[in-house]
Structure formats: C-alpha cells, structure tokens
Amino acid sequence: MTGSSDTDNKPIIESTRNGIVNSASMICRYFKVAHRDMVYLKFILEAYEGMNVMSTVDNKAGIIRIAIMPGFVDDMDGLLAELGRQVTLEPTMWHDELCTF
C-alpha cells in the first residue's frame, strides 16, 4: 500500500485477541433499510472484507448495524454515501450496550 506504515495497522492489531476483533474498537453506524435491500447491502459490504461487519439488529423494523474497523471510517463513509444513492439508507439511533457483532 502506498503511503502506509506499520503504525497505520497498530490500532487494529492491538484490538485483536485470538483472532477476534475487540468490538469496543469498532465504530458502529445504524441505518433503517428496506428489507429488499438488506441482502444487496450485505453482499456489497462483504466485498470490503476486513473493513466492516454488517448485521441486522431488528429485522422487523429493517435496522442494520455496520461496524467499521478503525482506520477505515473515511473509506466506509464514502462507500455508504455512494450506496445511499442506490438504496435508501436512513441513519437511525440504536442503543447497544456495546458495539458488538
């Protein structure tokens, strides 16, 4: 990668124990989406492996959580803005005790 150094990965490495990311280090965003768009979003976001984890927190209401790895917030914000032009991503509040997935 151009312009990156070992220190760029330090927060991710420090937040990993036994191969599991410490969820406290994740930045979570919540969106209300149409049910028909959930699978599409899941496939697109899975293509960005290692940057985020999408999960459904309330299937009935159509609420999803996107947990973003530290260091990828700007990239994911750009991706989410572009996806928001294709599907309705309505930002919403959700009260998790911790940002877990």
N, C-alpha and C. Protein backbone atom coordinates (compact mmCIF):
# COMPACT_ATOMS: atom_id res chain seq x y z
N MET A 1 0.84 -1.19 0.00
CA MET A 1 0.00 0.00 0.00
C MET A 1 0.88 1.24 0.00
N THR A 2 0.55 2.18 -0.79
CA THR A 2 1.30 3.41 -0.87
C THR A 2 0.95 4.31 0.30
N GLY A 3 1.99 4.88 0.93
CA GLY A 3 1.76 5.85 1.99
C GLY A 3 1.38 5.27 3.32
N SER A 4 1.38 3.94 3.49
CA SER A 4 1.03 3.37 4.77
C SER A 4 2.29 2.86 5.46
N SER A 5 2.18 2.72 6.75
CA SER A 5 3.30 2.21 7.52
C SER A 5 2.78 1.20 8.52
N ASP A 6 3.71 0.55 9.21
CA ASP A 6 3.31 -0.42 10.22
C ASP A 6 2.45 0.21 11.30
N THR A 7 2.66 1.49 11.58
CA THR A 7 1.88 2.15 12.62
C THR A 7 0.43 2.36 12.22
N ASP A 8 0.14 2.37 10.89
CA ASP A 8 -1.25 2.51 10.44
C ASP A 8 -2.11 1.36 10.92
N ASN A 9 -1.52 0.17 11.06
CA ASN A 9 -2.26 -1.02 11.47
C ASN A 9 -2.24 -1.24 12.98
N LYS A 10 -1.53 -0.44 13.70
CA LYS A 10 -1.36 -0.66 15.13
C LYS A 10 -2.68 -0.74 15.90
N PRO A 11 -3.65 0.19 15.72
CA PRO A 11 -4.90 0.07 16.48
C PRO A 11 -5.64 -1.23 16.20
N ILE A 12 -5.59 -1.71 14.96
CA ILE A 12 -6.27 -2.95 14.62
C ILE A 12 -5.57 -4.12 15.28
N ILE A 13 -4.26 -4.15 15.21
CA ILE A 13 -3.50 -5.24 15.81
C ILE A 13 -3.70 -5.25 17.33
N GLU A 14 -3.64 -4.09 17.95
CA GLU A 14 -3.82 -4.02 19.39
C GLU A 14 -5.23 -4.43 19.81
N SER A 15 -6.20 -4.23 18.94
CA SER A 15 -7.57 -4.54 19.31
C SER A 15 -7.93 -6.00 19.01
N THR A 16 -6.96 -6.78 18.56
CA THR A 16 -7.23 -8.16 18.20
C THR A 16 -6.66 -9.09 19.26
N ARG A 17 -7.47 -10.01 19.72
CA ARG A 17 -7.01 -11.03 20.65
C ARG A 17 -7.54 -12.37 20.17
N ASN A 18 -6.67 -13.33 19.96
CA ASN A 18 -7.03 -14.66 19.48
C ASN A 18 -7.81 -14.59 18.17
N GLY A 19 -7.47 -13.62 17.32
CA GLY A 19 -8.10 -13.53 16.01
C GLY A 19 -9.48 -12.89 16.02
N ILE A 20 -9.94 -12.43 17.18
CA ILE A 20 -11.25 -11.79 17.28
C ILE A 20 -11.06 -10.31 17.56
N VAL A 21 -11.69 -9.47 16.78
CA VAL A 21 -11.55 -8.03 16.96
C VAL A 21 -12.30 -7.60 18.20
N ASN A 22 -11.67 -6.77 19.00
CA ASN A 22 -12.31 -6.20 20.18
C ASN A 22 -13.39 -5.24 19.70
N SER A 23 -14.63 -5.55 19.99
CA SER A 23 -15.74 -4.75 19.48
C SER A 23 -15.73 -3.33 20.01
N ALA A 24 -15.06 -3.07 21.12
CA ALA A 24 -15.00 -1.72 21.66
C ALA A 24 -14.24 -0.79 20.73
N SER A 25 -13.40 -1.35 19.84
CA SER A 25 -12.63 -0.53 18.92
C SER A 25 -13.39 -0.23 17.63
N MET A 26 -14.53 -0.85 17.44
CA MET A 26 -15.31 -0.66 16.22
C MET A 26 -16.14 0.62 16.31
N ILE A 27 -16.38 1.22 15.18
CA ILE A 27 -17.26 2.38 15.09
C ILE A 27 -18.55 1.88 14.44
N CYS A 28 -19.66 2.03 15.14
CA CYS A 28 -20.92 1.47 14.63
C CYS A 28 -21.83 2.55 14.09
N ARG A 29 -22.41 2.26 12.95
CA ARG A 29 -23.41 3.11 12.32
C ARG A 29 -24.66 2.28 12.13
N TYR A 30 -25.82 2.89 12.35
CA TYR A 30 -27.10 2.19 12.25
C TYR A 30 -27.95 2.85 11.17
N PHE A 31 -28.63 2.01 10.39
CA PHE A 31 -29.46 2.51 9.30
C PHE A 31 -30.75 1.71 9.24
N LYS A 32 -31.81 2.40 8.85
CA LYS A 32 -33.07 1.73 8.52
C LYS A 32 -33.05 1.55 7.00
N VAL A 33 -33.29 0.31 6.58
CA VAL A 33 -33.26 -0.01 5.15
C VAL A 33 -34.47 -0.86 4.80
N ALA A 34 -34.81 -0.85 3.53
CA ALA A 34 -35.90 -1.71 3.06
C ALA A 34 -35.40 -3.16 3.09
N HIS A 35 -36.29 -4.06 3.44
CA HIS A 35 -35.92 -5.47 3.51
C HIS A 35 -35.33 -5.97 2.19
N ARG A 36 -35.85 -5.50 1.09
CA ARG A 36 -35.39 -5.96 -0.22
C ARG A 36 -33.94 -5.54 -0.48
N ASP A 37 -33.44 -4.55 0.25
CA ASP A 37 -32.07 -4.06 0.04
C ASP A 37 -31.05 -4.69 0.99
N MET A 38 -31.50 -5.41 2.01
CA MET A 38 -30.58 -5.95 3.00
C MET A 38 -29.57 -6.92 2.41
N VAL A 39 -30.02 -7.83 1.59
CA VAL A 39 -29.10 -8.82 1.00
C VAL A 39 -28.12 -8.14 0.06
N TYR A 40 -28.61 -7.22 -0.75
CA TYR A 40 -27.74 -6.47 -1.65
C TYR A 40 -26.63 -5.77 -0.87
N LEU A 41 -27.01 -5.05 0.19
CA LEU A 41 -26.02 -4.35 1.01
C LEU A 41 -25.03 -5.32 1.65
N LYS A 42 -25.53 -6.44 2.14
CA LYS A 42 -24.66 -7.44 2.77
C LYS A 42 -23.60 -7.92 1.78
N PHE A 43 -24.00 -8.23 0.55
CA PHE A 43 -23.04 -8.70 -0.44
C PHE A 43 -22.02 -7.63 -0.80
N ILE A 44 -22.47 -6.41 -0.98
CA ILE A 44 -21.55 -5.32 -1.32
C ILE A 44 -20.57 -5.09 -0.17
N LEU A 45 -21.08 -5.00 1.06
CA LEU A 45 -20.20 -4.73 2.20
C LEU A 45 -19.25 -5.88 2.50
N GLU A 46 -19.67 -7.11 2.25
CA GLU A 46 -18.78 -8.25 2.45
C GLU A 46 -17.61 -8.21 1.47
N ALA A 47 -17.78 -7.58 0.33
CA ALA A 47 -16.69 -7.45 -0.64
C ALA A 47 -15.56 -6.60 -0.06
N TYR A 48 -15.86 -5.78 0.91
CA TYR A 48 -14.86 -4.94 1.58
C TYR A 48 -14.42 -5.63 2.86
N GLU A 49 -14.02 -6.86 2.72
CA GLU A 49 -13.63 -7.72 3.84
C GLU A 49 -12.53 -7.06 4.68
N GLY A 50 -12.71 -7.12 5.98
CA GLY A 50 -11.74 -6.56 6.90
C GLY A 50 -12.00 -5.11 7.24
N MET A 51 -12.89 -4.45 6.50
CA MET A 51 -13.20 -3.05 6.76
C MET A 51 -14.43 -2.89 7.63
N ASN A 52 -15.36 -3.83 7.54
CA ASN A 52 -16.63 -3.67 8.24
C ASN A 52 -17.31 -5.02 8.44
N VAL A 53 -18.31 -4.98 9.30
CA VAL A 53 -19.20 -6.13 9.50
C VAL A 53 -20.61 -5.58 9.54
N MET A 54 -21.47 -6.10 8.67
CA MET A 54 -22.87 -5.68 8.68
C MET A 54 -23.69 -6.77 9.36
N SER A 55 -24.60 -6.35 10.22
CA SER A 55 -25.52 -7.29 10.84
C SER A 55 -26.89 -6.63 10.99
N THR A 56 -27.89 -7.47 11.06
CA THR A 56 -29.26 -6.99 11.27
C THR A 56 -29.53 -6.97 12.76
N VAL A 57 -29.96 -5.83 13.27
CA VAL A 57 -30.26 -5.74 14.71
C VAL A 57 -31.75 -5.80 14.98
N ASP A 58 -32.57 -5.44 14.01
CA ASP A 58 -34.02 -5.54 14.15
C ASP A 58 -34.60 -5.81 12.77
N ASN A 59 -34.81 -7.08 12.48
CA ASN A 59 -35.28 -7.48 11.15
C ASN A 59 -36.65 -6.90 10.85
N LYS A 60 -37.53 -6.90 11.83
CA LYS A 60 -38.89 -6.41 11.61
C LYS A 60 -38.90 -4.93 11.21
N ALA A 61 -38.06 -4.13 11.89
CA ALA A 61 -38.00 -2.70 11.60
C ALA A 61 -37.04 -2.36 10.46
N GLY A 62 -36.23 -3.34 10.04
CA GLY A 62 -35.27 -3.10 8.96
C GLY A 62 -34.05 -2.32 9.41
N ILE A 63 -33.61 -2.54 10.64
CA ILE A 63 -32.45 -1.81 11.18
C ILE A 63 -31.20 -2.68 11.05
N ILE A 64 -30.18 -2.11 10.42
CA ILE A 64 -28.90 -2.79 10.30
C ILE A 64 -27.82 -2.01 11.06
N ARG A 65 -26.79 -2.73 11.45
CA ARG A 65 -25.62 -2.11 12.08
C ARG A 65 -24.43 -2.39 11.18
N ILE A 66 -23.65 -1.36 10.91
CA ILE A 66 -22.40 -1.52 10.20
C ILE A 66 -21.29 -1.15 11.17
N ALA A 67 -20.53 -2.18 11.58
CA ALA A 67 -19.41 -1.99 12.50
C ALA A 67 -18.17 -1.79 11.64
N ILE A 68 -17.52 -0.65 11.79
CA ILE A 68 -16.41 -0.26 10.94
C ILE A 68 -15.11 -0.36 11.72
N MET A 69 -14.12 -0.99 11.11
CA MET A 69 -12.80 -1.10 11.73
C MET A 69 -12.15 0.27 11.81
N PRO A 70 -11.40 0.52 12.89
CA PRO A 70 -10.66 1.79 12.98
C PRO A 70 -9.73 1.92 11.78
N GLY A 71 -9.60 3.12 11.30
CA GLY A 71 -8.73 3.37 10.14
C GLY A 71 -9.47 3.31 8.81
N PHE A 72 -10.71 2.83 8.82
CA PHE A 72 -11.47 2.71 7.57
C PHE A 72 -12.74 3.56 7.58
N VAL A 73 -12.89 4.42 8.56
CA VAL A 73 -14.12 5.21 8.69
C VAL A 73 -14.33 6.10 7.47
N ASP A 74 -13.29 6.81 7.02
CA ASP A 74 -13.46 7.70 5.86
C ASP A 74 -13.81 6.91 4.60
N ASP A 75 -13.12 5.77 4.41
CA ASP A 75 -13.42 4.94 3.24
C ASP A 75 -14.86 4.43 3.28
N MET A 76 -15.29 3.97 4.44
CA MET A 76 -16.65 3.45 4.57
C MET A 76 -17.69 4.56 4.44
N ASP A 77 -17.39 5.75 4.96
CA ASP A 77 -18.32 6.87 4.78
C ASP A 77 -18.53 7.17 3.30
N GLY A 78 -17.45 7.12 2.52
CA GLY A 78 -17.56 7.33 1.08
C GLY A 78 -18.38 6.24 0.41
N LEU A 79 -18.11 4.99 0.80
CA LEU A 79 -18.87 3.87 0.24
C LEU A 79 -20.35 3.97 0.62
N LEU A 80 -20.63 4.28 1.87
CA LEU A 80 -22.03 4.39 2.32
C LEU A 80 -22.74 5.55 1.62
N ALA A 81 -22.03 6.63 1.36
CA ALA A 81 -22.64 7.75 0.63
C ALA A 81 -23.01 7.30 -0.78
N GLU A 82 -22.13 6.54 -1.43
CA GLU A 82 -22.43 6.05 -2.78
C GLU A 82 -23.57 5.05 -2.75
N LEU A 83 -23.55 4.13 -1.78
CA LEU A 83 -24.65 3.16 -1.67
C LEU A 83 -25.97 3.86 -1.39
N GLY A 84 -25.92 4.97 -0.66
CA GLY A 84 -27.12 5.75 -0.36
C GLY A 84 -27.75 6.37 -1.59
N ARG A 85 -27.00 6.44 -2.68
CA ARG A 85 -27.56 6.92 -3.96
C ARG A 85 -28.32 5.81 -4.68
N GLN A 86 -28.04 4.55 -4.28
CA GLN A 86 -28.65 3.40 -4.95
C GLN A 86 -29.81 2.81 -4.15
N VAL A 87 -29.70 2.85 -2.84
CA VAL A 87 -30.74 2.32 -1.95
C VAL A 87 -30.96 3.34 -0.82
N THR A 88 -32.08 3.23 -0.15
CA THR A 88 -32.36 4.14 0.95
C THR A 88 -31.66 3.64 2.20
N LEU A 89 -30.73 4.44 2.70
CA LEU A 89 -30.03 4.19 3.96
C LEU A 89 -30.38 5.34 4.90
N GLU A 90 -31.35 5.13 5.73
CA GLU A 90 -31.80 6.19 6.64
C GLU A 90 -31.06 6.04 7.97
N PRO A 91 -30.13 6.96 8.27
CA PRO A 91 -29.42 6.85 9.55
C PRO A 91 -30.42 6.85 10.71
N THR A 92 -30.14 6.03 11.70
CA THR A 92 -31.04 5.91 12.84
C THR A 92 -30.22 5.69 14.10
N MET A 93 -30.83 5.91 15.23
CA MET A 93 -30.19 5.67 16.52
C MET A 93 -30.56 4.27 16.99
N TRP A 94 -29.62 3.61 17.64
CA TRP A 94 -29.86 2.31 18.22
C TRP A 94 -29.04 2.24 19.49
N HIS A 95 -29.59 1.65 20.51
CA HIS A 95 -28.92 1.66 21.81
C HIS A 95 -28.37 0.28 22.14
N ASP A 96 -27.14 0.02 21.65
CA ASP A 96 -26.41 -1.18 22.05
C ASP A 96 -25.65 -0.84 23.32
N GLU A 97 -25.56 -1.80 24.22
CA GLU A 97 -24.74 -1.57 25.40
C GLU A 97 -23.29 -1.38 24.95
N LEU A 98 -22.85 -2.21 24.04
CA LEU A 98 -21.55 -2.09 23.40
C LEU A 98 -21.75 -2.30 21.91
N CYS A 99 -20.88 -1.78 21.12
CA CYS A 99 -20.92 -2.02 19.69
C CYS A 99 -20.36 -3.42 19.47
N THR A 100 -21.24 -4.41 19.46
CA THR A 100 -20.82 -5.79 19.27
C THR A 100 -21.44 -6.35 18.02
N PHE A 101 -20.89 -7.42 17.54
CA PHE A 101 -21.44 -8.07 16.35
C PHE A 101 -21.31 -9.55 16.45
